[in-house]
Structures are given as structure tokens and as C-alpha cells.
Amino acid sequence: MRNYFSILPLLFSTAVIANDNSYENIAERNAKVALTQQQVSTAKMQGECLVGLKELNYKKKHEFDAIAEWTSFRSSSLLEQFSPCQVLIIMEVAQRKLKANK
């Protein structure tokens, strides 16, 4: 029974630490330098664009898609130069053009 009581604080502290590192909690602790609401909205949009980019490049899970493979490979290097939303737009256009010329 004693071992159970020693594990409980560990379980609760792990959960607290995990939630402690969310942006919301970090911004609350550092309110003077937190992002503005507009910057937070922009960051959320960029996150959604990353998801869109992933979905664009991995639509077909069971069969090889050379165009998606090509855009996936190119996306990584473009993300070093452009925002996720810019890369998503570039790759959407590239995939449409490549599929139209197939």
C-alpha cells in the first residue's frame, strides 16, 4: 500500500509539467513578452497550413504517388525559406500543374 502513495505524487507532477509547457501557460508566466493576439492567430494559421501540407503530400497511403513524393521532398527545403502557408500554396499549385500535365 505504501508504494501506491509514493507513486501518486509522481503521476500528478508529470501531468502538471506536461500542461505547464503549453503556449498558454508559458505566455501567462511571461506576459510582458507574450505574443499579441494577432501574432497568436498568425501562428495558429501557420500550424493549420502545416497540417494542410502534410495532408497534401500524404493523401494516398497505400499506393505510390510520384507527384506527392516529389512535393513532399521539395516541401522540406521550402520550409527553410518560406512560411508554412506560403509553402502550402506553392505545393498546391505545383501538384495541380503536375497532375494536369500527366
PDB file of N, CA and C in Angstrom:
ATOM      1  N   MET A   1       0.818  -1.192   0.000  1.00  0.00           N
ATOM      2  CA  MET A   1       0.000   0.000   0.000  1.00  0.00           C
ATOM      3  C   MET A   1       0.862   1.256   0.000  1.00  0.00           C
ATOM      4  N   ARG A   2       1.981   1.170   0.655  1.00  0.00           N
ATOM      5  CA  ARG A   2       2.878   2.329   0.744  1.00  0.00           C
ATOM      6  C   ARG A   2       3.396   2.753  -0.628  1.00  0.00           C
ATOM      7  N   ASN A   3       3.661   1.801  -1.517  1.00  0.00           N
ATOM      8  CA  ASN A   3       4.158   2.115  -2.857  1.00  0.00           C
ATOM      9  C   ASN A   3       3.161   2.926  -3.664  1.00  0.00           C
ATOM     10  N   TYR A   4       1.876   2.673  -3.462  1.00  0.00           N
ATOM     11  CA  TYR A   4       0.854   3.430  -4.180  1.00  0.00           C
ATOM     12  C   TYR A   4       0.890   4.910  -3.822  1.00  0.00           C
ATOM     13  N   PHE A   5       1.097   5.205  -2.557  1.00  0.00           N
ATOM     14  CA  PHE A   5       1.140   6.596  -2.119  1.00  0.00           C
ATOM     15  C   PHE A   5       2.387   7.309  -2.618  1.00  0.00           C
ATOM     16  N   SER A   6       3.455   6.599  -2.841  1.00  0.00           N
ATOM     17  CA  SER A   6       4.670   7.237  -3.363  1.00  0.00           C
ATOM     18  C   SER A   6       4.575   7.486  -4.861  1.00  0.00           C
ATOM     19  N   ILE A   7       3.737   6.743  -5.549  1.00  0.00           N
ATOM     20  CA  ILE A   7       3.572   6.913  -6.994  1.00  0.00           C
ATOM     21  C   ILE A   7       2.612   8.050  -7.324  1.00  0.00           C
ATOM     22  N   LEU A   8       1.599   8.261  -6.501  1.00  0.00           N
ATOM     23  CA  LEU A   8       0.603   9.299  -6.780  1.00  0.00           C
ATOM     24  C   LEU A   8       1.192  10.683  -7.002  1.00  0.00           C
ATOM     25  N   PRO A   9       2.074  11.169  -6.133  1.00  0.00           N
ATOM     26  CA  PRO A   9       2.651  12.495  -6.394  1.00  0.00           C
ATOM     27  C   PRO A   9       3.417  12.558  -7.715  1.00  0.00           C
ATOM     28  N   LEU A  10       4.075  11.470  -8.072  1.00  0.00           N
ATOM     29  CA  LEU A  10       4.815  11.428  -9.328  1.00  0.00           C
ATOM     30  C   LEU A  10       3.858  11.555 -10.511  1.00  0.00           C
ATOM     31  N   LEU A  11       2.737  10.850 -10.467  1.00  0.00           N
ATOM     32  CA  LEU A  11       1.760  10.927 -11.551  1.00  0.00           C
ATOM     33  C   LEU A  11       1.184  12.323 -11.690  1.00  0.00           C
ATOM     34  N   PHE A  12       0.849  12.956 -10.592  1.00  0.00           N
ATOM     35  CA  PHE A  12       0.295  14.306 -10.648  1.00  0.00           C
ATOM     36  C   PHE A  12       1.334  15.326 -11.096  1.00  0.00           C
ATOM     37  N   SER A  13       2.575  15.186 -10.665  1.00  0.00           N
ATOM     38  CA  SER A  13       3.607  16.139 -11.056  1.00  0.00           C
ATOM     39  C   SER A  13       3.908  16.025 -12.542  1.00  0.00           C
ATOM     40  N   THR A  14       3.853  14.822 -13.110  1.00  0.00           N
ATOM     41  CA  THR A  14       4.076  14.638 -14.544  1.00  0.00           C
ATOM     42  C   THR A  14       2.979  15.330 -15.331  1.00  0.00           C
ATOM     43  N   ALA A  15       1.736  15.195 -14.891  1.00  0.00           N
ATOM     44  CA  ALA A  15       0.620  15.841 -15.581  1.00  0.00           C
ATOM     45  C   ALA A  15       0.734  17.361 -15.507  1.00  0.00           C
ATOM     46  N   VAL A  16       1.151  17.876 -14.366  1.00  0.00           N
ATOM     47  CA  VAL A  16       1.317  19.322 -14.198  1.00  0.00           C
ATOM     48  C   VAL A  16       2.426  19.828 -15.099  1.00  0.00           C
ATOM     49  N   ILE A  17       3.532  19.118 -15.178  1.00  0.00           N
ATOM     50  CA  ILE A  17       4.653  19.530 -16.032  1.00  0.00           C
ATOM     51  C   ILE A  17       4.241  19.532 -17.495  1.00  0.00           C
ATOM     52  N   ALA A  18       3.491  18.528 -17.925  1.00  0.00           N
ATOM     53  CA  ALA A  18       3.053  18.447 -19.325  1.00  0.00           C
ATOM     54  C   ALA A  18       2.195  19.650 -19.687  1.00  0.00           C
ATOM     55  N   ASN A  19       1.261  20.032 -18.828  1.00  0.00           N
ATOM     56  CA  ASN A  19       0.394  21.177 -19.097  1.00  0.00           C
ATOM     57  C   ASN A  19       1.132  22.497 -18.913  1.00  0.00           C
ATOM     58  N   ASP A  20       2.160  22.483 -18.106  1.00  0.00           N
ATOM     59  CA  ASP A  20       2.932  23.672 -17.806  1.00  0.00           C
ATOM     60  C   ASP A  20       3.667  24.205 -19.036  1.00  0.00           C
ATOM     61  N   ASN A  21       3.900  23.373 -20.014  1.00  0.00           N
ATOM     62  CA  ASN A  21       4.659  23.781 -21.195  1.00  0.00           C
ATOM     63  C   ASN A  21       3.784  24.124 -22.392  1.00  0.00           C
ATOM     64  N   SER A  22       2.494  24.323 -22.184  1.00  0.00           N
ATOM     65  CA  SER A  22       1.646  24.767 -23.282  1.00  0.00           C
ATOM     66  C   SER A  22       1.936  26.251 -23.523  1.00  0.00           C
ATOM     67  N   TYR A  23       1.670  26.725 -24.726  1.00  0.00           N
ATOM     68  CA  TYR A  23       1.938  28.138 -25.010  1.00  0.00           C
ATOM     69  C   TYR A  23       1.143  29.032 -24.061  1.00  0.00           C
ATOM     70  N   GLU A  24      -0.096  28.666 -23.828  1.00  0.00           N
ATOM     71  CA  GLU A  24      -0.952  29.493 -22.970  1.00  0.00           C
ATOM     72  C   GLU A  24      -0.335  29.691 -21.585  1.00  0.00           C
ATOM     73  N   ASN A  25       0.175  28.623 -20.995  1.00  0.00           N
ATOM     74  CA  ASN A  25       0.786  28.720 -19.661  1.00  0.00           C
ATOM     75  C   ASN A  25       2.109  29.485 -19.698  1.00  0.00           C
ATOM     76  N   ILE A  26       2.884  29.266 -20.725  1.00  0.00           N
ATOM     77  CA  ILE A  26       4.161  29.973 -20.856  1.00  0.00           C
ATOM     78  C   ILE A  26       3.901  31.475 -21.034  1.00  0.00           C
ATOM     79  N   ALA A  27       2.935  31.817 -21.868  1.00  0.00           N
ATOM     80  CA  ALA A  27       2.604  33.227 -22.101  1.00  0.00           C
ATOM     81  C   ALA A  27       2.086  33.888 -20.831  1.00  0.00           C
ATOM     82  N   GLU A  28       1.333  33.137 -20.054  1.00  0.00           N
ATOM     83  CA  GLU A  28       0.828  33.678 -18.795  1.00  0.00           C
ATOM     84  C   GLU A  28       1.977  33.999 -17.842  1.00  0.00           C
ATOM     85  N   ARG A  29       2.982  33.132 -17.789  1.00  0.00           N
ATOM     86  CA  ARG A  29       4.133  33.368 -16.916  1.00  0.00           C
ATOM     87  C   ARG A  29       5.026  34.493 -17.435  1.00  0.00           C
ATOM     88  N   ASN A  30       4.965  34.764 -18.724  1.00  0.00           N
ATOM     89  CA  ASN A  30       5.828  35.773 -19.349  1.00  0.00           C
ATOM     90  C   ASN A  30       4.979  36.814 -20.075  1.00  0.00           C
ATOM     91  N   ALA A  31       3.992  37.326 -19.398  1.00  0.00           N
ATOM     92  CA  ALA A  31       3.001  38.214 -20.017  1.00  0.00           C
ATOM     93  C   ALA A  31       3.615  39.439 -20.694  1.00  0.00           C
ATOM     94  N   LYS A  32       4.721  39.943 -20.171  1.00  0.00           N
ATOM     95  CA  LYS A  32       5.326  41.160 -20.736  1.00  0.00           C
ATOM     96  C   LYS A  32       5.841  40.951 -22.154  1.00  0.00           C
ATOM     97  N   VAL A  33       6.216  39.716 -22.492  1.00  0.00           N
ATOM     98  CA  VAL A  33       6.785  39.459 -23.815  1.00  0.00           C
ATOM     99  C   VAL A  33       5.961  38.464 -24.626  1.00  0.00           C
ATOM    100  N   ALA A  34       4.775  38.140 -24.162  1.00  0.00           N
ATOM    101  CA  ALA A  34       3.912  37.186 -24.877  1.00  0.00           C
ATOM    102  C   ALA A  34       3.516  37.754 -26.238  1.00  0.00           C
ATOM    103  N   LEU A  35       3.195  36.853 -27.146  1.00  0.00           N
ATOM    104  CA  LEU A  35       2.750  37.273 -28.472  1.00  0.00           C
ATOM    105  C   LEU A  35       1.427  38.021 -28.373  1.00  0.00           C
ATOM    106  N   THR A  36       1.209  38.939 -29.300  1.00  0.00           N
ATOM    107  CA  THR A  36      -0.072  39.641 -29.362  1.00  0.00           C
ATOM    108  C   THR A  36      -1.129  38.668 -29.883  1.00  0.00           C
ATOM    109  N   GLN A  37      -2.381  39.030 -29.753  1.00  0.00           N
ATOM    110  CA  GLN A  37      -3.459  38.174 -30.248  1.00  0.00           C
ATOM    111  C   GLN A  37      -3.328  37.954 -31.750  1.00  0.00           C
ATOM    112  N   GLN A  38      -2.914  38.982 -32.467  1.00  0.00           N
ATOM    113  CA  GLN A  38      -2.716  38.855 -33.921  1.00  0.00           C
ATOM    114  C   GLN A  38      -1.586  37.864 -34.223  1.00  0.00           C
ATOM    115  N   GLN A  39      -0.489  37.932 -33.473  1.00  0.00           N
ATOM    116  CA  GLN A  39       0.624  37.006 -33.673  1.00  0.00           C
ATOM    117  C   GLN A  39       0.213  35.570 -33.333  1.00  0.00           C
ATOM    118  N   VAL A  40      -0.580  35.400 -32.295  1.00  0.00           N
ATOM    119  CA  VAL A  40      -1.075  34.069 -31.941  1.00  0.00           C
ATOM    120  C   VAL A  40      -1.967  33.531 -33.059  1.00  0.00           C
ATOM    121  N   SER A  41      -2.833  34.368 -33.595  1.00  0.00           N
ATOM    122  CA  SER A  41      -3.708  33.954 -34.701  1.00  0.00           C
ATOM    123  C   SER A  41      -2.898  33.555 -35.918  1.00  0.00           C
ATOM    124  N   THR A  42      -1.867  34.325 -36.221  1.00  0.00           N
ATOM    125  CA  THR A  42      -0.990  34.009 -37.351  1.00  0.00           C
ATOM    126  C   THR A  42      -0.279  32.681 -37.128  1.00  0.00           C
ATOM    127  N   ALA A  43       0.210  32.461 -35.925  1.00  0.00           N
ATOM    128  CA  ALA A  43       0.896  31.201 -35.613  1.00  0.00           C
ATOM    129  C   ALA A  43      -0.054  30.016 -35.745  1.00  0.00           C
ATOM    130  N   LYS A  44      -1.295  30.191 -35.291  1.00  0.00           N
ATOM    131  CA  LYS A  44      -2.285  29.116 -35.418  1.00  0.00           C
ATOM    132  C   LYS A  44      -2.559  28.811 -36.883  1.00  0.00           C
ATOM    133  N   MET A  45      -2.643  29.858 -37.705  1.00  0.00           N
ATOM    134  CA  MET A  45      -2.864  29.660 -39.135  1.00  0.00           C
ATOM    135  C   MET A  45      -1.690  28.902 -39.748  1.00  0.00           C
ATOM    136  N   GLN A  46      -0.463  29.251 -39.364  1.00  0.00           N
ATOM    137  CA  GLN A  46       0.713  28.563 -39.887  1.00  0.00           C
ATOM    138  C   GLN A  46       0.691  27.082 -39.483  1.00  0.00           C
ATOM    139  N   GLY A  47       0.229  26.810 -38.269  1.00  0.00           N
ATOM    140  CA  GLY A  47       0.100  25.424 -37.826  1.00  0.00           C
ATOM    141  C   GLY A  47      -0.911  24.656 -38.664  1.00  0.00           C
ATOM    142  N   GLU A  48      -2.026  25.300 -38.969  1.00  0.00           N
ATOM    143  CA  GLU A  48      -3.029  24.662 -39.821  1.00  0.00           C
ATOM    144  C   GLU A  48      -2.480  24.427 -41.227  1.00  0.00           C
ATOM    145  N   CYS A  49      -1.666  25.345 -41.703  1.00  0.00           N
ATOM    146  CA  CYS A  49      -1.059  25.168 -43.025  1.00  0.00           C
ATOM    147  C   CYS A  49      -0.076  23.991 -43.023  1.00  0.00           C
ATOM    148  N   LEU A  50       0.625  23.787 -41.921  1.00  0.00           N
ATOM    149  CA  LEU A  50       1.499  22.613 -41.821  1.00  0.00           C
ATOM    150  C   LEU A  50       0.684  21.326 -41.921  1.00  0.00           C
ATOM    151  N   VAL A  51      -0.466  21.305 -41.273  1.00  0.00           N
ATOM    152  CA  VAL A  51      -1.336  20.130 -41.360  1.00  0.00           C
ATOM    153  C   VAL A  51      -1.821  19.960 -42.801  1.00  0.00           C
ATOM    154  N   GLY A  52      -2.195  21.060 -43.439  1.00  0.00           N
ATOM    155  CA  GLY A  52      -2.624  21.005 -44.834  1.00  0.00           C
ATOM    156  C   GLY A  52      -1.524  20.488 -45.748  1.00  0.00           C
ATOM    157  N   LEU A  53      -0.309  20.894 -45.486  1.00  0.00           N
ATOM    158  CA  LEU A  53       0.839  20.442 -46.276  1.00  0.00           C
ATOM    159  C   LEU A  53       1.053  18.947 -46.105  1.00  0.00           C
ATOM    160  N   LYS A  54       0.944  18.475 -44.880  1.00  0.00           N
ATOM    161  CA  LYS A  54       1.088  17.044 -44.618  1.00  0.00           C
ATOM    162  C   LYS A  54       0.005  16.266 -45.355  1.00  0.00           C
ATOM    163  N   GLU A  55      -1.234  16.732 -45.250  1.00  0.00           N
ATOM    164  CA  GLU A  55      -2.335  16.042 -45.923  1.00  0.00           C
ATOM    165  C   GLU A  55      -2.185  16.075 -47.434  1.00  0.00           C
ATOM    166  N   LEU A  56      -1.681  17.161 -47.959  1.00  0.00           N
ATOM    167  CA  LEU A  56      -1.461  17.273 -49.402  1.00  0.00           C
ATOM    168  C   LEU A  56      -0.450  16.242 -49.878  1.00  0.00           C
ATOM    169  N   ASN A  57       0.593  16.047 -49.097  1.00  0.00           N
ATOM    170  CA  ASN A  57       1.669  15.153 -49.508  1.00  0.00           C
ATOM    171  C   ASN A  57       1.435  13.687 -49.162  1.00  0.00           C
ATOM    172  N   TYR A  58       0.456  13.401 -48.316  1.00  0.00           N
ATOM    173  CA  TYR A  58       0.238  12.012 -47.896  1.00  0.00           C
ATOM    174  C   TYR A  58      -1.212  11.584 -48.062  1.00  0.00           C
ATOM    175  N   LYS A  59      -1.817  11.927 -49.189  1.00  0.00           N
ATOM    176  CA  LYS A  59      -3.211  11.564 -49.430  1.00  0.00           C
ATOM    177  C   LYS A  59      -3.369  10.061 -49.642  1.00  0.00           C
ATOM    178  N   LYS A  60      -2.516   9.489 -50.443  1.00  0.00           N
ATOM    179  CA  LYS A  60      -2.621   8.070 -50.777  1.00  0.00           C
ATOM    180  C   LYS A  60      -1.633   7.295 -49.923  1.00  0.00           C
ATOM    181  N   LYS A  61      -2.154   6.549 -48.976  1.00  0.00           N
ATOM    182  CA  LYS A  61      -1.281   5.819 -48.055  1.00  0.00           C
ATOM    183  C   LYS A  61      -0.877   4.454 -48.603  1.00  0.00           C
ATOM    184  N   HIS A  62      -1.688   3.876 -49.472  1.00  0.00           N
ATOM    185  CA  HIS A  62      -1.440   2.506 -49.900  1.00  0.00           C
ATOM    186  C   HIS A  62      -0.856   2.381 -51.299  1.00  0.00           C
ATOM    187  N   GLU A  63      -0.772   3.468 -52.012  1.00  0.00           N
ATOM    188  CA  GLU A  63      -0.156   3.385 -53.324  1.00  0.00           C
ATOM    189  C   GLU A  63       0.807   4.555 -53.531  1.00  0.00           C
ATOM    190  N   PHE A  64       1.820   4.315 -54.299  1.00  0.00           N
ATOM    191  CA  PHE A  64       2.858   5.316 -54.530  1.00  0.00           C
ATOM    192  C   PHE A  64       2.319   6.424 -55.425  1.00  0.00           C
ATOM    193  N   ASP A  65       2.523   7.651 -55.045  1.00  0.00           N
ATOM    194  CA  ASP A  65       2.127   8.817 -55.832  1.00  0.00           C
ATOM    195  C   ASP A  65       3.390   9.633 -56.064  1.00  0.00           C
ATOM    196  N   ALA A  66       3.924   9.564 -57.261  1.00  0.00           N
ATOM    197  CA  ALA A  66       5.192  10.228 -57.583  1.00  0.00           C
ATOM    198  C   ALA A  66       5.115  11.740 -57.395  1.00  0.00           C
ATOM    199  N   ILE A  67       3.986  12.328 -57.710  1.00  0.00           N
ATOM    200  CA  ILE A  67       3.839  13.778 -57.566  1.00  0.00           C
ATOM    201  C   ILE A  67       3.848  14.173 -56.092  1.00  0.00           C
ATOM    202  N   ALA A  68       3.096  13.444 -55.276  1.00  0.00           N
ATOM    203  CA  ALA A  68       3.085  13.735 -53.837  1.00  0.00           C
ATOM    204  C   ALA A  68       4.466  13.500 -53.240  1.00  0.00           C
ATOM    205  N   GLU A  69       5.145  12.475 -53.695  1.00  0.00           N
ATOM    206  CA  GLU A  69       6.506  12.205 -53.208  1.00  0.00           C
ATOM    207  C   GLU A  69       7.432  13.365 -53.573  1.00  0.00           C
ATOM    208  N   TRP A  70       7.301  13.861 -54.782  1.00  0.00           N
ATOM    209  CA  TRP A  70       8.128  14.971 -55.251  1.00  0.00           C
ATOM    210  C   TRP A  70       7.851  16.236 -54.435  1.00  0.00           C
ATOM    211  N   THR A  71       6.556  16.562 -54.230  1.00  0.00           N
ATOM    212  CA  THR A  71       6.233  17.774 -53.478  1.00  0.00           C
ATOM    213  C   THR A  71       6.613  17.631 -52.004  1.00  0.00           C
ATOM    214  N   SER A  72       6.498  16.433 -51.477  1.00  0.00           N
ATOM    215  CA  SER A  72       6.901  16.201 -50.088  1.00  0.00           C
ATOM    216  C   SER A  72       8.396  16.477 -49.912  1.00  0.00           C
ATOM    217  N   PHE A  73       9.173  15.959 -50.826  1.00  0.00           N
ATOM    218  CA  PHE A  73      10.628  16.163 -50.781  1.00  0.00           C
ATOM    219  C   PHE A  73      10.976  17.641 -50.901  1.00  0.00           C
ATOM    220  N   ARG A  74      10.297  18.348 -51.786  1.00  0.00           N
ATOM    221  CA  ARG A  74      10.572  19.772 -52.008  1.00  0.00           C
ATOM    222  C   ARG A  74      10.079  20.627 -50.844  1.00  0.00           C
ATOM    223  N   SER A  75       9.011  20.202 -50.190  1.00  0.00           N
ATOM    224  CA  SER A  75       8.427  20.982 -49.098  1.00  0.00           C
ATOM    225  C   SER A  75       9.424  21.249 -47.983  1.00  0.00           C
ATOM    226  N   SER A  76      10.228  20.256 -47.654  1.00  0.00           N
ATOM    227  CA  SER A  76      11.190  20.412 -46.554  1.00  0.00           C
ATOM    228  C   SER A  76      12.148  21.567 -46.807  1.00  0.00           C
ATOM    229  N   SER A  77      12.710  21.622 -47.995  1.00  0.00           N
ATOM    230  CA  SER A  77      13.659  22.698 -48.281  1.00  0.00           C
ATOM    231  C   SER A  77      12.959  24.048 -48.393  1.00  0.00           C
ATOM    232  N   LEU A  78      11.735  24.051 -48.898  1.00  0.00           N
ATOM    233  CA  LEU A  78      10.998  25.319 -48.999  1.00  0.00           C
ATOM    234  C   LEU A  78      10.620  25.858 -47.625  1.00  0.00           C
ATOM    235  N   LEU A  79      10.359  24.964 -46.662  1.00  0.00           N
ATOM    236  CA  LEU A  79      10.014  25.414 -45.311  1.00  0.00           C
ATOM    237  C   LEU A  79      11.173  26.137 -44.637  1.00  0.00           C
ATOM    238  N   GLU A  80      12.379  25.924 -45.120  1.00  0.00           N
ATOM    239  CA  GLU A  80      13.532  26.661 -44.580  1.00  0.00           C
ATOM    240  C   GLU A  80      13.555  28.095 -45.080  1.00  0.00           C
ATOM    241  N   GLN A  81      12.847  28.360 -46.179  1.00  0.00           N
ATOM    242  CA  GLN A  81      12.872  29.682 -46.794  1.00  0.00           C
ATOM    243  C   GLN A  81      11.565  30.463 -46.648  1.00  0.00           C
ATOM    244  N   PHE A  82      10.446  29.751 -46.577  1.00  0.00           N
ATOM    245  CA  PHE A  82       9.138  30.391 -46.592  1.00  0.00           C
ATOM    246  C   PHE A  82       8.276  29.909 -45.428  1.00  0.00           C
ATOM    247  N   SER A  83       7.208  30.635 -45.161  1.00  0.00           N
ATOM    248  CA  SER A  83       6.278  30.235 -44.103  1.00  0.00           C
ATOM    249  C   SER A  83       5.510  28.987 -44.552  1.00  0.00           C
ATOM    250  N   PRO A  84       4.966  28.234 -43.591  1.00  0.00           N
ATOM    251  CA  PRO A  84       4.187  27.038 -43.956  1.00  0.00           C
ATOM    252  C   PRO A  84       3.027  27.344 -44.905  1.00  0.00           C
ATOM    253  N   CYS A  85       2.352  28.470 -44.726  1.00  0.00           N
ATOM    254  CA  CYS A  85       1.232  28.794 -45.612  1.00  0.00           C
ATOM    255  C   CYS A  85       1.707  29.113 -47.032  1.00  0.00           C
ATOM    256  N   GLN A  86       2.846  29.779 -47.148  1.00  0.00           N
ATOM    257  CA  GLN A  86       3.396  30.039 -48.474  1.00  0.00           C
ATOM    258  C   GLN A  86       3.777  28.729 -49.158  1.00  0.00           C
ATOM    259  N   VAL A  87       4.381  27.820 -48.414  1.00  0.00           N
ATOM    260  CA  VAL A  87       4.777  26.529 -48.986  1.00  0.00           C
ATOM    261  C   VAL A  87       3.543  25.723 -49.378  1.00  0.00           C
ATOM    262  N   LEU A  88       2.496  25.769 -48.559  1.00  0.00           N
ATOM    263  CA  LEU A  88       1.260  25.061 -48.906  1.00  0.00           C
ATOM    264  C   LEU A  88       0.706  25.574 -50.227  1.00  0.00           C
ATOM    265  N   ILE A  89       0.669  26.870 -50.399  1.00  0.00           N
ATOM    266  CA  ILE A  89       0.161  27.451 -51.654  1.00  0.00           C
ATOM    267  C   ILE A  89       1.042  27.013 -52.821  1.00  0.00           C
ATOM    268  N   ILE A  90       2.345  27.098 -52.661  1.00  0.00           N
ATOM    269  CA  ILE A  90       3.288  26.686 -53.720  1.00  0.00           C
ATOM    270  C   ILE A  90       3.053  25.230 -54.108  1.00  0.00           C
ATOM    271  N   MET A  91       2.932  24.364 -53.104  1.00  0.00           N
ATOM    272  CA  MET A  91       2.787  22.935 -53.367  1.00  0.00           C
ATOM    273  C   MET A  91       1.412  22.585 -53.928  1.00  0.00           C
ATOM    274  N   GLU A  92       0.370  23.298 -53.519  1.00  0.00           N
ATOM    275  CA  GLU A  92      -0.957  23.064 -54.107  1.00  0.00           C
ATOM    276  C   GLU A  92      -0.925  23.377 -55.597  1.00  0.00           C
ATOM    277  N   VAL A  93      -0.318  24.491 -55.953  1.00  0.00           N
ATOM    278  CA  VAL A  93      -0.226  24.879 -57.368  1.00  0.00           C
ATOM    279  C   VAL A  93       0.643  23.874 -58.120  1.00  0.00           C
ATOM    280  N   ALA A  94       1.769  23.509 -57.530  1.00  0.00           N
ATOM    281  CA  ALA A  94       2.674  22.548 -58.188  1.00  0.00           C
ATOM    282  C   ALA A  94       1.976  21.213 -58.433  1.00  0.00           C
ATOM    283  N   GLN A  95       1.275  20.707 -57.441  1.00  0.00           N
ATOM    284  CA  GLN A  95       0.577  19.422 -57.633  1.00  0.00           C
ATOM    285  C   GLN A  95      -0.500  19.518 -58.699  1.00  0.00           C
ATOM    286  N   ARG A  96      -1.269  20.600 -58.695  1.00  0.00           N
ATOM    287  CA  ARG A  96      -2.313  20.771 -59.717  1.00  0.00           C
ATOM    288  C   ARG A  96      -1.696  20.798 -61.104  1.00  0.00           C
ATOM    289  N   LYS A  97      -0.629  21.570 -61.269  1.00  0.00           N
ATOM    290  CA  LYS A  97       0.021  21.690 -62.580  1.00  0.00           C
ATOM    291  C   LYS A  97       0.613  20.364 -63.032  1.00  0.00           C
ATOM    292  N   LEU A  98       1.289  19.668 -62.115  1.00  0.00           N
ATOM    293  CA  LEU A  98       1.908  18.383 -62.460  1.00  0.00           C
ATOM    294  C   LEU A  98       0.853  17.338 -62.809  1.00  0.00           C
ATOM    295  N   LYS A  99      -0.245  17.300 -62.076  1.00  0.00           N
ATOM    296  CA  LYS A  99      -1.304  16.329 -62.358  1.00  0.00           C
ATOM    297  C   LYS A  99      -2.024  16.659 -63.662  1.00  0.00           C
ATOM    298  N   ALA A 100      -2.142  17.950 -63.990  1.00  0.00           N
ATOM    299  CA  ALA A 100      -2.779  18.363 -65.240  1.00  0.00           C
ATOM    300  C   ALA A 100      -1.933  17.973 -66.449  1.00  0.00           C
ATOM    301  N   ASN A 101      -0.609  17.944 -66.261  1.00  0.00           N
ATOM    302  CA  ASN A 101       0.304  17.615 -67.367  1.00  0.00           C
ATOM    303  C   ASN A 101       0.634  16.138 -67.445  1.00  0.00           C
ATOM    304  N   LYS A 102       0.021  15.333 -66.612  1.00  0.00           N
ATOM    305  CA  LYS A 102       0.287  13.884 -66.594  1.00  0.00           C
ATOM    306  C   LYS A 102      -0.114  13.212 -67.864  1.00  0.00           C
TER     307      LYS A 102
END
